């Protein structure tokens, strides 16, 4: 953050100007030890954000989704758990689950980008509004074709598809007893109960 003195008016006033960090600068902070590798930070719209701690319900849902997707469709795809993805110049979030196109090096050569992503999933309890109002617009604007919020408080899955600008044009809600598919993998059917438990 830069503190700037504004002398354009008769009275002196201070104006705070925020510094947006790029993905490259964020990576350099990790490489030089300013941020510890594996520390709970992600880069969203140029801001370094401390990630919320993970409770037992959240952790169990992530493990449940990982186990189900890995068993169901992981042979030809990669299921990444809480790993970074790179979305443009200013965002490197770490979604709970990313279902990715197969790559032989498992993305060792570089973090996955929007073109590599079939589906992103965020498991939300205390972070529900944050995931809807902060992460969702970033995912949509970056062209992530499908985004799910596993809404723990309301015991449902919110499915967002067809990104346009900072919104998704298609929004559906699924509850227990229903099934859903992944738009880019329509042959795969998932029982909501297998995710919600």
Protein backbone atom coordinates (compact mmCIF):
# COMPACT_ATOMS: atom_id res chain seq x y z
CA UNK A 1 0.00 0.00 0.00
CA UNK A 2 1.33 3.46 -0.89
CA UNK A 3 0.54 6.54 1.20
CA UNK A 4 0.19 9.51 -1.10
CA UNK A 5 -0.14 13.17 -0.12
CA UNK A 6 -2.76 14.96 -2.19
CA UNK A 7 -1.91 18.68 -2.46
CA UNK A 8 -4.55 19.56 -5.04
CA UNK A 9 -6.83 21.16 -2.48
CA UNK A 10 -6.12 23.99 -0.03
CA UNK A 11 -6.29 21.55 2.83
CA UNK A 12 -3.75 18.75 2.90
CA UNK A 13 -5.34 15.33 2.80
CA UNK A 14 -4.06 11.80 2.61
CA UNK A 15 -5.21 9.35 0.00
CA UNK A 16 -4.44 5.66 0.32
CA UNK A 17 -3.59 3.89 -2.90
CA UNK A 18 -3.57 0.09 -2.96
CA UNK A 19 -0.87 -1.91 -4.69
CA UNK A 20 -2.14 -4.84 -6.74
CA UNK A 21 0.26 -7.76 -6.81
CA UNK A 22 0.66 -9.90 -9.92
CA UNK A 23 0.88 -13.67 -9.92
CA UNK A 24 4.59 -13.33 -10.78
CA UNK A 25 5.18 -11.04 -7.78
CA UNK A 26 3.20 -13.38 -5.53
CA UNK A 27 5.33 -16.33 -6.70
CA UNK A 28 8.51 -14.31 -6.09
CA UNK A 29 7.38 -13.67 -2.50
CA UNK A 30 7.12 -17.42 -1.98
CA UNK A 31 10.44 -18.15 -3.71
CA UNK A 32 12.32 -15.56 -1.63
CA UNK A 33 10.69 -16.64 1.64
CA UNK A 34 8.61 -13.51 2.24
CA UNK A 35 5.63 -15.86 2.17
CA UNK A 36 6.30 -19.41 3.30
CA UNK A 37 5.54 -22.06 0.68
CA UNK A 38 2.37 -23.88 1.66
CA UNK A 39 1.24 -20.98 3.84
CA UNK A 40 -2.52 -20.29 3.88
CA UNK A 41 -2.54 -17.39 1.40
CA UNK A 42 -4.03 -16.95 -2.04
CA UNK A 43 -3.96 -14.10 -4.52
CA UNK A 44 -7.37 -12.70 -5.52
CA UNK A 45 -7.63 -9.68 -7.82
CA UNK A 46 -4.13 -8.61 -6.84
CA UNK A 47 -4.74 -8.82 -3.08
CA UNK A 48 -3.02 -11.35 -0.85
CA UNK A 49 -5.74 -12.98 1.22
CA UNK A 50 -5.25 -15.13 4.32
CA UNK A 51 -7.42 -18.20 3.88
CA UNK A 52 -9.92 -19.21 6.54
CA UNK A 53 -8.99 -22.13 8.77
CA UNK A 54 -10.59 -25.43 7.85
CA UNK A 55 -13.08 -26.99 10.25
CA UNK A 56 -13.88 -30.69 10.49
CA UNK A 57 -17.13 -30.48 8.47
CA UNK A 58 -15.35 -28.61 5.68
CA UNK A 59 -12.41 -31.04 5.66
CA UNK A 60 -14.73 -34.06 5.63
CA UNK A 61 -16.71 -32.71 2.65
CA UNK A 62 -13.50 -32.02 0.69
CA UNK A 63 -12.27 -35.56 1.43
CA UNK A 64 -15.66 -37.02 0.48
CA UNK A 65 -15.73 -35.14 -2.86
CA UNK A 66 -12.13 -36.08 -3.61
CA UNK A 67 -12.75 -39.77 -2.90
CA UNK A 68 -15.93 -39.82 -5.00
CA UNK A 69 -14.49 -37.97 -8.02
CA UNK A 70 -11.24 -39.95 -7.88
CA UNK A 71 -13.16 -43.22 -7.87
CA UNK A 72 -15.65 -42.12 -10.54
CA UNK A 73 -13.73 -40.16 -13.15
CA UNK A 74 -10.09 -39.65 -12.23
CA UNK A 75 -8.65 -42.25 -14.64
CA UNK A 76 -8.65 -39.79 -17.53
CA UNK A 77 -8.62 -36.58 -15.48
CA UNK A 78 -6.83 -35.05 -12.50
CA UNK A 79 -8.57 -34.21 -9.23
CA UNK A 80 -6.54 -31.50 -7.48
CA UNK A 81 -7.26 -30.75 -3.83
CA UNK A 82 -6.58 -27.25 -2.50
CA UNK A 83 -3.86 -26.62 -5.10
CA UNK A 84 -3.21 -23.29 -6.85
CA UNK A 85 -4.70 -22.40 -10.20
CA UNK A 86 -3.61 -19.41 -12.24
CA UNK A 87 -6.36 -17.10 -13.49
CA UNK A 88 -4.91 -14.20 -15.43
CA UNK A 89 -2.39 -11.68 -14.18
CA UNK A 90 -3.80 -10.99 -10.71
CA UNK A 91 -5.36 -14.17 -9.30
CA UNK A 92 -3.95 -17.43 -8.02
CA UNK A 93 -6.68 -18.97 -5.86
CA UNK A 94 -6.61 -22.39 -4.24
CA UNK A 95 -10.08 -23.89 -4.69
CA UNK A 96 -11.03 -26.86 -2.56
CA UNK A 97 -11.37 -29.12 -5.63
CA UNK A 98 -10.32 -28.61 -9.24
CA UNK A 99 -11.23 -31.23 -11.83
CA UNK A 100 -8.59 -30.85 -14.54
CA UNK A 101 -7.75 -32.09 -18.00
CA UNK A 102 -5.15 -34.83 -17.97
CA UNK A 103 -1.55 -33.65 -18.22
CA UNK A 104 1.28 -36.20 -18.01
CA UNK A 105 3.42 -34.06 -15.70
CA UNK A 106 0.45 -33.35 -13.40
CA UNK A 107 0.98 -29.60 -14.02
CA UNK A 108 4.55 -29.58 -12.72
CA UNK A 109 5.42 -27.29 -15.64
CA UNK A 110 2.92 -24.65 -14.47
CA UNK A 111 -0.28 -24.23 -12.53
CA UNK A 112 -3.53 -25.06 -14.35
CA UNK A 113 -5.34 -22.21 -16.10
CA UNK A 114 -9.01 -21.76 -16.99
CA UNK A 115 -8.60 -23.72 -20.25
CA UNK A 116 -7.45 -26.75 -18.21
CA UNK A 117 -10.43 -26.75 -15.83
CA UNK A 118 -13.61 -28.80 -16.18
CA UNK A 119 -14.97 -27.85 -12.78
CA UNK A 120 -14.06 -25.89 -9.64
CA UNK A 121 -15.63 -26.63 -6.28
CA UNK A 122 -15.58 -24.56 -3.12
CA UNK A 123 -16.90 -26.10 0.10
CA UNK A 124 -18.53 -23.27 2.02
CA UNK A 125 -19.60 -22.96 5.61
CA UNK A 126 -18.36 -19.74 7.19
CA UNK A 127 -17.05 -18.55 3.78
CA UNK A 128 -20.34 -18.84 1.89
CA UNK A 129 -20.88 -15.14 1.12
CA UNK A 130 -17.18 -14.64 0.40
CA UNK A 131 -17.22 -17.49 -2.13
CA UNK A 132 -20.32 -16.02 -3.80
CA UNK A 133 -19.24 -12.38 -3.88
CA UNK A 134 -15.45 -12.55 -4.23
CA UNK A 135 -14.40 -15.87 -5.74
CA UNK A 136 -17.36 -16.44 -8.06
CA UNK A 137 -16.79 -13.21 -10.08
CA UNK A 138 -13.10 -14.06 -10.48
CA UNK A 139 -13.92 -17.57 -11.71
CA UNK A 140 -16.59 -16.28 -14.11
CA UNK A 141 -14.46 -13.47 -15.51
CA UNK A 142 -11.56 -15.89 -16.03
CA UNK A 143 -13.78 -18.16 -18.11
CA UNK A 144 -14.04 -21.11 -15.72
CA UNK A 145 -16.95 -22.92 -17.37
CA UNK A 146 -18.47 -24.48 -14.25
CA UNK A 147 -18.28 -23.69 -10.54
CA UNK A 148 -20.00 -25.47 -7.65
CA UNK A 149 -20.49 -24.23 -4.12
CA UNK A 150 -21.13 -27.04 -1.66
CA UNK A 151 -23.30 -25.04 0.71
CA UNK A 152 -22.93 -26.72 4.11
CA UNK A 153 -25.39 -24.52 6.10
CA UNK A 154 -28.25 -25.08 3.61
CA UNK A 155 -27.20 -28.66 2.77
CA UNK A 156 -27.27 -28.10 -1.01
CA UNK A 157 -25.04 -27.69 -4.04
CA UNK A 158 -25.15 -24.45 -6.01
CA UNK A 159 -24.17 -25.02 -9.65
CA UNK A 160 -22.99 -22.06 -11.72
CA UNK A 161 -22.52 -22.36 -15.51
CA UNK A 162 -22.13 -20.23 -18.65
CA UNK A 163 -19.80 -17.45 -17.51
CA UNK A 164 -20.39 -13.97 -18.92
CA UNK A 165 -18.31 -11.12 -17.53
CA UNK A 166 -18.28 -11.44 -13.75
CA UNK A 167 -21.43 -13.56 -13.46
CA UNK A 168 -22.72 -16.98 -14.42
CA UNK A 169 -25.86 -16.93 -16.53
CA UNK A 170 -27.09 -20.34 -15.37
CA UNK A 171 -27.59 -20.99 -11.65
CA UNK A 172 -29.18 -24.17 -10.29
CA UNK A 173 -29.54 -25.62 -6.81
CA UNK A 174 -29.41 -29.36 -6.11
CA UNK A 175 -30.42 -31.13 -2.92
CA UNK A 176 -30.37 -34.68 -1.57
CA UNK A 177 -31.99 -37.32 -3.74
CA UNK A 178 -31.08 -35.51 -6.97
CA UNK A 179 -28.36 -36.17 -9.53
CA UNK A 180 -26.25 -33.76 -11.54
CA UNK A 181 -23.70 -33.82 -14.33
CA UNK A 182 -20.62 -31.85 -15.21
CA UNK A 183 -21.34 -29.81 -18.33
CA UNK A 184 -18.05 -30.65 -20.07
CA UNK A 185 -18.33 -34.31 -19.03
CA UNK A 186 -22.03 -35.03 -19.63
CA UNK A 187 -21.50 -38.80 -19.51
CA UNK A 188 -20.70 -38.54 -15.79
CA UNK A 189 -23.65 -38.59 -13.40
CA UNK A 190 -23.12 -37.69 -9.75
CA UNK A 191 -25.54 -38.37 -6.92
CA UNK A 192 -25.86 -35.32 -4.69
CA UNK A 193 -25.99 -37.65 -1.67
CA UNK A 194 -22.44 -38.82 -2.47
CA UNK A 195 -21.22 -35.26 -2.03
CA UNK A 196 -23.42 -33.99 0.77
CA UNK A 197 -23.31 -37.22 2.76
